[in-house]
C-alpha atoms as a PDB file:
ATOM      1  CA  MET A   1      32.726 -20.284 -37.687  1.00  0.00           C
ATOM      2  CA  PHE A   2      29.234 -19.236 -36.902  1.00  0.00           C
ATOM      3  CA  SER A   3      28.983 -15.464 -35.739  1.00  0.00           C
ATOM      4  CA  TRP A   4      25.720 -13.995 -34.313  1.00  0.00           C
ATOM      5  CA  PRO A   5      24.619 -10.402 -34.041  1.00  0.00           C
ATOM      6  CA  ARG A   6      25.890  -9.327 -30.564  1.00  0.00           C
ATOM      7  CA  ARG A   7      23.888  -6.073 -30.274  1.00  0.00           C
ATOM      8  CA  GLY A   8      20.418  -6.916 -31.998  1.00  0.00           C
ATOM      9  CA  PRO A   9      17.318  -6.980 -30.008  1.00  0.00           C
ATOM     10  CA  ARG A  10      17.105 -10.908 -30.420  1.00  0.00           C
ATOM     11  CA  GLU A  11      20.343 -11.175 -28.966  1.00  0.00           C
ATOM     12  CA  HIS A  12      19.716  -8.904 -26.097  1.00  0.00           C
ATOM     13  CA  ARG A  13      16.571 -10.713 -25.289  1.00  0.00           C
ATOM     14  CA  TRP A  14      18.353 -13.860 -25.326  1.00  0.00           C
ATOM     15  CA  THR A  15      20.992 -12.781 -22.973  1.00  0.00           C
ATOM     16  CA  GLN A  16      18.643 -11.302 -20.582  1.00  0.00           C
ATOM     17  CA  ARG A  17      16.924 -14.572 -20.367  1.00  0.00           C
ATOM     18  CA  HIS A  18      20.185 -16.607 -19.725  1.00  0.00           C
ATOM     19  CA  LEU A  19      22.036 -14.324 -17.058  1.00  0.00           C
ATOM     20  CA  SER A  20      20.681 -16.653 -14.231  1.00  0.00           C
ATOM     21  CA  ASP A  21      21.841 -19.856 -16.118  1.00  0.00           C
ATOM     22  CA  TYR A  22      25.239 -18.314 -16.629  1.00  0.00           C
ATOM     23  CA  LEU A  23      25.631 -17.285 -13.103  1.00  0.00           C
ATOM     24  CA  ASP A  24      24.536 -20.969 -12.115  1.00  0.00           C
ATOM     25  CA  ARG A  25      27.039 -22.264 -14.718  1.00  0.00           C
ATOM     26  CA  ASP A  26      24.111 -24.021 -16.568  1.00  0.00           C
ATOM     27  CA  LEU A  27      24.969 -22.862 -19.806  1.00  0.00           C
ATOM     28  CA  ASN A  28      27.083 -25.125 -22.447  1.00  0.00           C
ATOM     29  CA  GLU A  29      30.300 -23.703 -23.687  1.00  0.00           C
ATOM     30  CA  ARG A  30      28.871 -22.174 -26.857  1.00  0.00           C
ATOM     31  CA  ALA A  31      26.081 -20.309 -25.043  1.00  0.00           C
ATOM     32  CA  ARG A  32      28.393 -19.230 -22.503  1.00  0.00           C
ATOM     33  CA  ARG A  33      30.634 -17.481 -24.912  1.00  0.00           C
ATOM     34  CA  ARG A  34      27.691 -15.976 -26.719  1.00  0.00           C
ATOM     35  CA  LEU A  35      26.585 -14.390 -23.424  1.00  0.00           C
ATOM     36  CA  GLU A  36      30.065 -13.211 -22.667  1.00  0.00           C
ATOM     37  CA  ALA A  37      30.514 -11.683 -26.137  1.00  0.00           C
ATOM     38  CA  HIS A  38      27.085  -9.643 -25.855  1.00  0.00           C
ATOM     39  CA  THR A  39      27.851  -8.576 -22.283  1.00  0.00           C
ATOM     40  CA  ALA A  40      31.465  -7.310 -23.416  1.00  0.00           C
ATOM     41  CA  GLU A  41      29.450  -4.908 -25.740  1.00  0.00           C
ATOM     42  CA  CYS A  42      26.314  -4.004 -24.016  1.00  0.00           C
ATOM     43  CA  ASP A  43      26.487  -1.908 -21.074  1.00  0.00           C
ATOM     44  CA  ASP A  44      22.905  -2.805 -19.970  1.00  0.00           C
ATOM     45  CA  CYS A  45      23.338  -6.340 -19.887  1.00  0.00           C
ATOM     46  CA  ARG A  46      27.002  -6.100 -18.282  1.00  0.00           C
ATOM     47  CA  ARG A  47      25.277  -4.055 -15.549  1.00  0.00           C
ATOM     48  CA  THR A  48      22.365  -6.384 -15.241  1.00  0.00           C
ATOM     49  CA  LEU A  49      24.744  -9.214 -14.884  1.00  0.00           C
ATOM     50  CA  GLY A  50      26.872  -7.505 -12.112  1.00  0.00           C
ATOM     51  CA  THR A  51      23.840  -6.578 -10.121  1.00  0.00           C
ATOM     52  CA  LEU A  52      22.557 -10.355 -10.254  1.00  0.00           C
ATOM     53  CA  SER A  53      26.041 -11.689  -9.379  1.00  0.00           C
ATOM     54  CA  THR A  54      25.946  -9.206  -6.155  1.00  0.00           C
ATOM     55  CA  LEU A  55      22.688 -10.192  -5.297  1.00  0.00           C
ATOM     56  CA  VAL A  56      23.265 -13.904  -5.644  1.00  0.00           C
ATOM     57  CA  ARG A  57      26.660 -13.337  -3.391  1.00  0.00           C
ATOM     58  CA  MET A  58      25.054 -11.584  -0.730  1.00  0.00           C
ATOM     59  CA  LEU A  59      21.932 -13.987  -0.561  1.00  0.00           C
ATOM     60  CA  GLY A  60      24.727 -16.721  -0.368  1.00  0.00           C
ATOM     61  CA  ARG A  61      25.901 -15.285   3.165  1.00  0.00           C
ATOM     62  CA  PRO A  62      24.990 -16.101   6.436  1.00  0.00           C
ATOM     63  CA  PRO A  63      22.423 -13.694   7.852  1.00  0.00           C
ATOM     64  CA  CYS A  64      23.626 -10.810  10.099  1.00  0.00           C
ATOM     65  CA  SER A  65      24.156 -11.738  13.715  1.00  0.00           C
ATOM     66  CA  GLY A  66      22.282  -9.546  16.644  1.00  0.00           C
ATOM     67  CA  GLY A  67      19.109  -8.787  14.365  1.00  0.00           C
ATOM     68  CA  GLU A  68      20.813  -6.248  11.935  1.00  0.00           C
ATOM     69  CA  ARG A  69      19.143  -5.980   8.816  1.00  0.00           C
ATOM     70  CA  PRO A  70      21.041  -6.912   5.635  1.00  0.00           C
ATOM     71  CA  VAL A  71      21.168  -3.289   4.198  1.00  0.00           C
ATOM     72  CA  VAL A  72      23.373  -4.361   1.291  1.00  0.00           C
ATOM     73  CA  ALA A  73      20.957  -6.940   0.049  1.00  0.00           C
ATOM     74  CA  GLU A  74      17.995  -4.508   0.580  1.00  0.00           C
ATOM     75  CA  ARG A  75      19.918  -1.953  -1.635  1.00  0.00           C
ATOM     76  CA  VAL A  76      20.654  -4.553  -4.605  1.00  0.00           C
ATOM     77  CA  VAL A  77      16.972  -5.508  -4.518  1.00  0.00           C
ATOM     78  CA  LEU A  78      15.940  -1.691  -4.731  1.00  0.00           C
ATOM     79  CA  ARG A  79      18.476  -1.152  -7.549  1.00  0.00           C
ATOM     80  CA  LEU A  80      17.075  -4.163  -9.514  1.00  0.00           C
ATOM     81  CA  ARG A  81      13.598  -2.914  -9.077  1.00  0.00           C
ATOM     82  CA  ASP A  82      14.764   0.658 -10.388  1.00  0.00           C
ATOM     83  CA  GLU A  83      16.587  -0.929 -13.485  1.00  0.00           C
ATOM     84  CA  TRP A  84      13.544  -2.864 -14.387  1.00  0.00           C
ATOM     85  CA  ALA A  85      10.992  -0.027 -14.033  1.00  0.00           C
ATOM     86  CA  GLY A  86      13.349   2.020 -16.123  1.00  0.00           C
ATOM     87  CA  ARG A  87      13.385  -0.471 -18.779  1.00  0.00           C
ATOM     88  CA  ARG A  88       9.279  -0.383 -18.913  1.00  0.00           C
ATOM     89  CA  ARG A  89       9.024   3.170 -19.517  1.00  0.00           C
END
């Protein structure tokens, strides 16, 4: 059976580009297994996947009643910005 490098830079970039597709269940079986294998070993991708998953879940909820601000969603967005800024340094 074919085995791909799970921790190499190319695999990392591939995974980052396909996280959203994974959450949307738009990956075929082989690509899904590939992404899951990488995220099982890569803390950075696993953390990003968890953050994206939280964001998608929060955005899918109805808006707060009484004019309350969605504090959790704001925190998730800020966390994503911080994570991306840290990678660019």
